[in-house]
């Protein structure tokens, strides 16, 4: 069996993260995080192929997360 690609979903609303995880769970390995910092931690621990993020979150915007994610995991889309 070929390993599945990993998607990381970052949103400060846990219901959104859960919904996206449920939508893609059969085709992808889906990780969730509820803050930008939590998402960066996941990127440092796990191989992530695709990062999906909310734009408006407390503490760190989606744009800031994407900028910092590029530094932490340059191959993640």
PDB file of N, CA and C in Angstrom:
ATOM      1  N   UNK A   1       0.840  -1.186   0.000  1.00  0.00           N
ATOM      2  CA  UNK A   1       0.000   0.000   0.000  1.00  0.00           C
ATOM      3  C   UNK A   1       0.883   1.247   0.000  1.00  0.00           C
ATOM      4  N   UNK A   2       0.582   2.173  -0.861  1.00  0.00           N
ATOM      5  CA  UNK A   2       1.341   3.413  -0.974  1.00  0.00           C
ATOM      6  C   UNK A   2       0.941   4.369   0.142  1.00  0.00           C
ATOM      7  N   UNK A   3       1.919   5.042   0.780  1.00  0.00           N
ATOM      8  CA  UNK A   3       1.567   5.989   1.848  1.00  0.00           C
ATOM      9  C   UNK A   3       0.723   7.144   1.295  1.00  0.00           C
ATOM     10  N   UNK A   4      -0.206   7.585   2.113  1.00  0.00           N
ATOM     11  CA  UNK A   4      -1.078   8.691   1.701  1.00  0.00           C
ATOM     12  C   UNK A   4      -0.381  10.026   1.943  1.00  0.00           C
ATOM     13  N   UNK A   5      -0.700  11.000   1.106  1.00  0.00           N
ATOM     14  CA  UNK A   5      -0.209  12.356   1.328  1.00  0.00           C
ATOM     15  C   UNK A   5      -0.874  12.933   2.567  1.00  0.00           C
ATOM     16  N   UNK A   6      -0.193  13.882   3.198  1.00  0.00           N
ATOM     17  CA  UNK A   6      -0.682  14.478   4.433  1.00  0.00           C
ATOM     18  C   UNK A   6      -1.113  15.913   4.201  1.00  0.00           C
ATOM     19  N   UNK A   7      -2.299  16.242   4.701  1.00  0.00           N
ATOM     20  CA  UNK A   7      -2.832  17.605   4.691  1.00  0.00           C
ATOM     21  C   UNK A   7      -2.865  18.085   6.138  1.00  0.00           C
ATOM     22  N   UNK A   8      -2.425  19.310   6.361  1.00  0.00           N
ATOM     23  CA  UNK A   8      -2.539  19.952   7.666  1.00  0.00           C
ATOM     24  C   UNK A   8      -3.563  21.071   7.553  1.00  0.00           C
ATOM     25  N   UNK A   9      -4.599  20.998   8.383  1.00  0.00           N
ATOM     26  CA  UNK A   9      -5.668  21.998   8.394  1.00  0.00           C
ATOM     27  C   UNK A   9      -5.507  22.826   9.666  1.00  0.00           C
ATOM     28  N   UNK A  10      -5.368  24.144   9.508  1.00  0.00           N
ATOM     29  CA  UNK A  10      -5.196  25.040  10.653  1.00  0.00           C
ATOM     30  C   UNK A  10      -6.339  26.045  10.663  1.00  0.00           C
ATOM     31  N   UNK A  11      -7.103  26.012  11.743  1.00  0.00           N
ATOM     32  CA  UNK A  11      -8.218  26.944  11.917  1.00  0.00           C
ATOM     33  C   UNK A  11      -8.503  27.057  13.404  1.00  0.00           C
ATOM     34  N   UNK A  12      -8.817  28.255  13.867  1.00  0.00           N
ATOM     35  CA  UNK A  12      -9.091  28.448  15.295  1.00  0.00           C
ATOM     36  C   UNK A  12     -10.474  27.938  15.694  1.00  0.00           C
ATOM     37  N   UNK A  13     -11.268  27.491  14.735  1.00  0.00           N
ATOM     38  CA  UNK A  13     -12.570  26.908  15.027  1.00  0.00           C
ATOM     39  C   UNK A  13     -12.475  25.393  14.868  1.00  0.00           C
ATOM     40  N   UNK A  14     -12.483  24.656  15.985  1.00  0.00           N
ATOM     41  CA  UNK A  14     -12.312  23.199  15.927  1.00  0.00           C
ATOM     42  C   UNK A  14     -13.324  22.488  15.024  1.00  0.00           C
ATOM     43  N   UNK A  15     -14.542  23.009  14.915  1.00  0.00           N
ATOM     44  CA  UNK A  15     -15.542  22.373  14.051  1.00  0.00           C
ATOM     45  C   UNK A  15     -15.131  22.418  12.581  1.00  0.00           C
ATOM     46  N   UNK A  16     -14.476  23.487  12.168  1.00  0.00           N
ATOM     47  CA  UNK A  16     -14.004  23.596  10.786  1.00  0.00           C
ATOM     48  C   UNK A  16     -12.921  22.547  10.533  1.00  0.00           C
ATOM     49  N   UNK A  17     -11.972  22.443  11.464  1.00  0.00           N
ATOM     50  CA  UNK A  17     -10.894  21.458  11.325  1.00  0.00           C
ATOM     51  C   UNK A  17     -11.492  20.052  11.234  1.00  0.00           C
ATOM     52  N   UNK A  18     -12.420  19.751  12.113  1.00  0.00           N
ATOM     53  CA  UNK A  18     -13.042  18.421  12.138  1.00  0.00           C
ATOM     54  C   UNK A  18     -13.786  18.134  10.836  1.00  0.00           C
ATOM     55  N   UNK A  19     -14.495  19.111  10.315  1.00  0.00           N
ATOM     56  CA  UNK A  19     -15.239  18.923   9.070  1.00  0.00           C
ATOM     57  C   UNK A  19     -14.305  18.607   7.908  1.00  0.00           C
ATOM     58  N   UNK A  20     -13.216  19.358   7.795  1.00  0.00           N
ATOM     59  CA  UNK A  20     -12.261  19.114   6.706  1.00  0.00           C
ATOM     60  C   UNK A  20     -11.603  17.749   6.890  1.00  0.00           C
ATOM     61  N   UNK A  21     -11.264  17.390   8.127  1.00  0.00           N
ATOM     62  CA  UNK A  21     -10.685  16.070   8.381  1.00  0.00           C
ATOM     63  C   UNK A  21     -11.643  14.969   7.926  1.00  0.00           C
ATOM     64  N   UNK A  22     -12.916  15.115   8.217  1.00  0.00           N
ATOM     65  CA  UNK A  22     -13.899  14.106   7.830  1.00  0.00           C
ATOM     66  C   UNK A  22     -14.077  14.040   6.307  1.00  0.00           C
ATOM     67  N   UNK A  23     -14.016  15.187   5.641  1.00  0.00           N
ATOM     68  CA  UNK A  23     -14.170  15.220   4.186  1.00  0.00           C
ATOM     69  C   UNK A  23     -13.056  14.478   3.459  1.00  0.00           C
ATOM     70  N   UNK A  24     -11.831  14.592   3.945  1.00  0.00           N
ATOM     71  CA  UNK A  24     -10.671  14.059   3.230  1.00  0.00           C
ATOM     72  C   UNK A  24     -10.078  12.792   3.835  1.00  0.00           C
ATOM     73  N   UNK A  25     -10.637  12.271   4.909  1.00  0.00           N
ATOM     74  CA  UNK A  25     -10.006  11.194   5.666  1.00  0.00           C
ATOM     75  C   UNK A  25      -9.787   9.900   4.880  1.00  0.00           C
ATOM     76  N   UNK A  26     -10.587   9.645   3.867  1.00  0.00           N
ATOM     77  CA  UNK A  26     -10.425   8.396   3.120  1.00  0.00           C
ATOM     78  C   UNK A  26      -9.293   8.450   2.100  1.00  0.00           C
ATOM     79  N   UNK A  27      -8.961   9.632   1.644  1.00  0.00           N
ATOM     80  CA  UNK A  27      -7.948   9.769   0.604  1.00  0.00           C
ATOM     81  C   UNK A  27      -6.625  10.328   1.098  1.00  0.00           C
ATOM     82  N   UNK A  28      -6.626  10.974   2.260  1.00  0.00           N
ATOM     83  CA  UNK A  28      -5.426  11.633   2.771  1.00  0.00           C
ATOM     84  C   UNK A  28      -5.278  11.382   4.270  1.00  0.00           C
ATOM     85  N   UNK A  29      -4.084  11.524   4.731  1.00  0.00           N
ATOM     86  CA  UNK A  29      -3.836  11.595   6.172  1.00  0.00           C
ATOM     87  C   UNK A  29      -4.046  13.064   6.527  1.00  0.00           C
ATOM     88  N   UNK A  30      -4.983  13.353   7.409  1.00  0.00           N
ATOM     89  CA  UNK A  30      -5.347  14.742   7.697  1.00  0.00           C
ATOM     90  C   UNK A  30      -5.039  15.066   9.150  1.00  0.00           C
ATOM     91  N   UNK A  31      -4.146  16.036   9.341  1.00  0.00           N
ATOM     92  CA  UNK A  31      -3.801  16.531  10.666  1.00  0.00           C
ATOM     93  C   UNK A  31      -4.545  17.829  10.910  1.00  0.00           C
ATOM     94  N   UNK A  32      -4.779  18.151  12.165  1.00  0.00           N
ATOM     95  CA  UNK A  32      -5.462  19.390  12.503  1.00  0.00           C
ATOM     96  C   UNK A  32      -4.718  20.175  13.546  1.00  0.00           C
ATOM     97  N   UNK A  33      -4.857  21.484  13.493  1.00  0.00           N
ATOM     98  CA  UNK A  33      -4.286  22.391  14.483  1.00  0.00           C
ATOM     99  C   UNK A  33      -5.245  23.557  14.656  1.00  0.00           C
ATOM    100  N   UNK A  34      -5.301  24.090  15.886  1.00  0.00           N
ATOM    101  CA  UNK A  34      -6.239  25.169  16.175  1.00  0.00           C
ATOM    102  C   UNK A  34      -5.584  26.530  16.362  1.00  0.00           C
ATOM    103  N   UNK A  35      -4.313  26.638  16.023  1.00  0.00           N
ATOM    104  CA  UNK A  35      -3.628  27.932  16.059  1.00  0.00           C
ATOM    105  C   UNK A  35      -2.430  27.873  15.122  1.00  0.00           C
ATOM    106  N   UNK A  36      -1.931  29.042  14.765  1.00  0.00           N
ATOM    107  CA  UNK A  36      -0.743  29.097  13.918  1.00  0.00           C
ATOM    108  C   UNK A  36       0.455  28.426  14.572  1.00  0.00           C
ATOM    109  N   UNK A  37       0.652  28.674  15.853  1.00  0.00           N
ATOM    110  CA  UNK A  37       1.784  28.063  16.564  1.00  0.00           C
ATOM    111  C   UNK A  37       1.660  26.545  16.595  1.00  0.00           C
ATOM    112  N   UNK A  38       0.453  26.061  16.833  1.00  0.00           N
ATOM    113  CA  UNK A  38       0.229  24.610  16.842  1.00  0.00           C
ATOM    114  C   UNK A  38       0.499  24.023  15.451  1.00  0.00           C
ATOM    115  N   UNK A  39       0.094  24.748  14.429  1.00  0.00           N
ATOM    116  CA  UNK A  39       0.349  24.314  13.054  1.00  0.00           C
ATOM    117  C   UNK A  39       1.830  24.253  12.737  1.00  0.00           C
ATOM    118  N   UNK A  40       2.569  25.258  13.165  1.00  0.00           N
ATOM    119  CA  UNK A  40       4.024  25.249  12.943  1.00  0.00           C
ATOM    120  C   UNK A  40       4.676  24.070  13.650  1.00  0.00           C
ATOM    121  N   UNK A  41       4.210  23.770  14.854  1.00  0.00           N
ATOM    122  CA  UNK A  41       4.734  22.609  15.569  1.00  0.00           C
ATOM    123  C   UNK A  41       4.497  21.327  14.796  1.00  0.00           C
ATOM    124  N   UNK A  42       3.310  21.176  14.237  1.00  0.00           N
ATOM    125  CA  UNK A  42       2.999  19.987  13.439  1.00  0.00           C
ATOM    126  C   UNK A  42       3.890  19.908  12.207  1.00  0.00           C
ATOM    127  N   UNK A  43       4.146  21.051  11.570  1.00  0.00           N
ATOM    128  CA  UNK A  43       5.026  21.076  10.395  1.00  0.00           C
ATOM    129  C   UNK A  43       6.447  20.650  10.744  1.00  0.00           C
ATOM    130  N   UNK A  44       6.878  20.969  11.935  1.00  0.00           N
ATOM    131  CA  UNK A  44       8.242  20.597  12.358  1.00  0.00           C
ATOM    132  C   UNK A  44       8.336  19.110  12.714  1.00  0.00           C
ATOM    133  N   UNK A  45       7.216  18.524  13.148  1.00  0.00           N
ATOM    134  CA  UNK A  45       7.206  17.114  13.573  1.00  0.00           C
ATOM    135  C   UNK A  45       6.858  16.132  12.459  1.00  0.00           C
ATOM    136  N   UNK A  46       6.046  16.589  11.511  1.00  0.00           N
ATOM    137  CA  UNK A  46       5.455  15.701  10.512  1.00  0.00           C
ATOM    138  C   UNK A  46       5.823  16.140   9.099  1.00  0.00           C
ATOM    139  N   UNK A  47       5.810  15.192   8.182  1.00  0.00           N
ATOM    140  CA  UNK A  47       5.951  15.535   6.769  1.00  0.00           C
ATOM    141  C   UNK A  47       4.568  15.907   6.252  1.00  0.00           C
ATOM    142  N   UNK A  48       4.399  17.156   5.870  1.00  0.00           N
ATOM    143  CA  UNK A  48       3.110  17.675   5.407  1.00  0.00           C
ATOM    144  C   UNK A  48       3.248  18.059   3.942  1.00  0.00           C
ATOM    145  N   UNK A  49       2.319  17.593   3.122  1.00  0.00           N
ATOM    146  CA  UNK A  49       2.346  17.903   1.694  1.00  0.00           C
ATOM    147  C   UNK A  49       1.559  19.166   1.365  1.00  0.00           C
ATOM    148  N   UNK A  50       0.405  19.338   2.033  1.00  0.00           N
ATOM    149  CA  UNK A  50      -0.467  20.487   1.757  1.00  0.00           C
ATOM    150  C   UNK A  50      -0.895  21.119   3.079  1.00  0.00           C
ATOM    151  N   UNK A  51      -0.802  22.442   3.137  1.00  0.00           N
ATOM    152  CA  UNK A  51      -1.236  23.198   4.307  1.00  0.00           C
ATOM    153  C   UNK A  51      -2.447  24.039   3.930  1.00  0.00           C
ATOM    154  N   UNK A  52      -3.552  23.860   4.663  1.00  0.00           N
ATOM    155  CA  UNK A  52      -4.758  24.673   4.488  1.00  0.00           C
ATOM    156  C   UNK A  52      -4.929  25.487   5.762  1.00  0.00           C
ATOM    157  N   UNK A  53      -5.117  26.797   5.620  1.00  0.00           N
ATOM    158  CA  UNK A  53      -5.242  27.625   6.812  1.00  0.00           C
ATOM    159  C   UNK A  53      -6.323  28.679   6.674  1.00  0.00           C
ATOM    160  N   UNK A  54      -6.886  29.019   7.805  1.00  0.00           N
ATOM    161  CA  UNK A  54      -7.804  30.140   7.911  1.00  0.00           C
ATOM    162  C   UNK A  54      -6.970  31.421   7.826  1.00  0.00           C
ATOM    163  N   UNK A  55      -7.522  32.488   7.334  1.00  0.00           N
ATOM    164  CA  UNK A  55      -6.812  33.765   7.276  1.00  0.00           C
ATOM    165  C   UNK A  55      -6.886  34.497   8.609  1.00  0.00           C
ATOM    166  N   UNK A  56      -8.053  34.554   9.191  1.00  0.00           N
ATOM    167  CA  UNK A  56      -8.250  35.325  10.431  1.00  0.00           C
ATOM    168  C   UNK A  56      -8.247  34.396  11.633  1.00  0.00           C
ATOM    169  N   UNK A  57      -7.150  34.453  12.370  1.00  0.00           N
ATOM    170  CA  UNK A  57      -7.021  33.674  13.601  1.00  0.00           C
ATOM    171  C   UNK A  57      -6.350  34.557  14.644  1.00  0.00           C
ATOM    172  N   UNK A  58      -6.663  34.358  15.905  1.00  0.00           N
ATOM    173  CA  UNK A  58      -5.984  35.122  16.945  1.00  0.00           C
ATOM    174  C   UNK A  58      -4.511  34.719  17.033  1.00  0.00           C
ATOM    175  N   UNK A  59      -3.663  35.692  17.255  1.00  0.00           N
ATOM    176  CA  UNK A  59      -2.249  35.401  17.478  1.00  0.00           C
ATOM    177  C   UNK A  59      -1.395  35.375  16.229  1.00  0.00           C
ATOM    178  N   UNK A  60      -1.913  34.849  15.126  1.00  0.00           N
ATOM    179  CA  UNK A  60      -1.139  34.762  13.894  1.00  0.00           C
ATOM    180  C   UNK A  60      -2.110  34.636  12.724  1.00  0.00           C
ATOM    181  N   UNK A  61      -1.975  35.505  11.741  1.00  0.00           N
ATOM    182  CA  UNK A  61      -2.837  35.415  10.561  1.00  0.00           C
ATOM    183  C   UNK A  61      -2.416  34.235   9.695  1.00  0.00           C
ATOM    184  N   UNK A  62      -3.295  33.859   8.791  1.00  0.00           N
ATOM    185  CA  UNK A  62      -2.962  32.802   7.848  1.00  0.00           C
ATOM    186  C   UNK A  62      -1.771  33.159   6.979  1.00  0.00           C
ATOM    187  N   UNK A  63      -1.662  34.418   6.570  1.00  0.00           N
ATOM    188  CA  UNK A  63      -0.525  34.855   5.746  1.00  0.00           C
ATOM    189  C   UNK A  63       0.782  34.702   6.522  1.00  0.00           C
ATOM    190  N   UNK A  64       0.782  35.097   7.778  1.00  0.00           N
ATOM    191  CA  UNK A  64       1.984  34.946   8.612  1.00  0.00           C
ATOM    192  C   UNK A  64       2.324  33.472   8.788  1.00  0.00           C
ATOM    193  N   UNK A  65       1.317  32.644   9.010  1.00  0.00           N
ATOM    194  CA  UNK A  65       1.559  31.206   9.144  1.00  0.00           C
ATOM    195  C   UNK A  65       2.193  30.652   7.872  1.00  0.00           C
ATOM    196  N   UNK A  66       1.665  31.021   6.711  1.00  0.00           N
ATOM    197  CA  UNK A  66       2.218  30.525   5.457  1.00  0.00           C
ATOM    198  C   UNK A  66       3.666  30.988   5.257  1.00  0.00           C
ATOM    199  N   UNK A  67       3.958  32.221   5.637  1.00  0.00           N
ATOM    200  CA  UNK A  67       5.332  32.717   5.514  1.00  0.00           C
ATOM    201  C   UNK A  67       6.263  31.903   6.403  1.00  0.00           C
ATOM    202  N   UNK A  68       5.860  31.689   7.640  1.00  0.00           N
ATOM    203  CA  UNK A  68       6.695  30.937   8.577  1.00  0.00           C
ATOM    204  C   UNK A  68       6.748  29.454   8.214  1.00  0.00           C
ATOM    205  N   UNK A  69       5.677  28.947   7.638  1.00  0.00           N
ATOM    206  CA  UNK A  69       5.649  27.538   7.215  1.00  0.00           C
ATOM    207  C   UNK A  69       6.658  27.287   6.116  1.00  0.00           C
ATOM    208  N   UNK A  70       6.816  28.240   5.226  1.00  0.00           N
ATOM    209  CA  UNK A  70       7.791  28.100   4.121  1.00  0.00           C
ATOM    210  C   UNK A  70       9.201  27.919   4.684  1.00  0.00           C
ATOM    211  N   UNK A  71       9.494  28.622   5.762  1.00  0.00           N
ATOM    212  CA  UNK A  71      10.813  28.488   6.411  1.00  0.00           C
ATOM    213  C   UNK A  71      10.939  27.123   7.094  1.00  0.00           C
ATOM    214  N   UNK A  72       9.880  26.665   7.755  1.00  0.00           N
ATOM    215  CA  UNK A  72       9.914  25.415   8.518  1.00  0.00           C
ATOM    216  C   UNK A  72       9.836  24.183   7.609  1.00  0.00           C
ATOM    217  N   UNK A  73       9.119  24.302   6.502  1.00  0.00           N
ATOM    218  CA  UNK A  73       8.870  23.155   5.630  1.00  0.00           C
ATOM    219  C   UNK A  73       8.757  23.628   4.174  1.00  0.00           C
ATOM    220  N   UNK A  74       9.880  23.916   3.530  1.00  0.00           N
ATOM    221  CA  UNK A  74       9.864  24.532   2.196  1.00  0.00           C
ATOM    222  C   UNK A  74       9.137  23.746   1.108  1.00  0.00           C
ATOM    223  N   UNK A  75       9.003  22.432   1.260  1.00  0.00           N
ATOM    224  CA  UNK A  75       8.366  21.633   0.216  1.00  0.00           C
ATOM    225  C   UNK A  75       6.845  21.543   0.364  1.00  0.00           C
ATOM    226  N   UNK A  76       6.310  22.063   1.453  1.00  0.00           N
ATOM    227  CA  UNK A  76       4.859  22.016   1.671  1.00  0.00           C
ATOM    228  C   UNK A  76       4.188  23.057   0.777  1.00  0.00           C
ATOM    229  N   UNK A  77       3.110  22.639   0.138  1.00  0.00           N
ATOM    230  CA  UNK A  77       2.331  23.544  -0.739  1.00  0.00           C
ATOM    231  C   UNK A  77       1.251  24.211   0.068  1.00  0.00           C
TER     232      UNK A  77
END
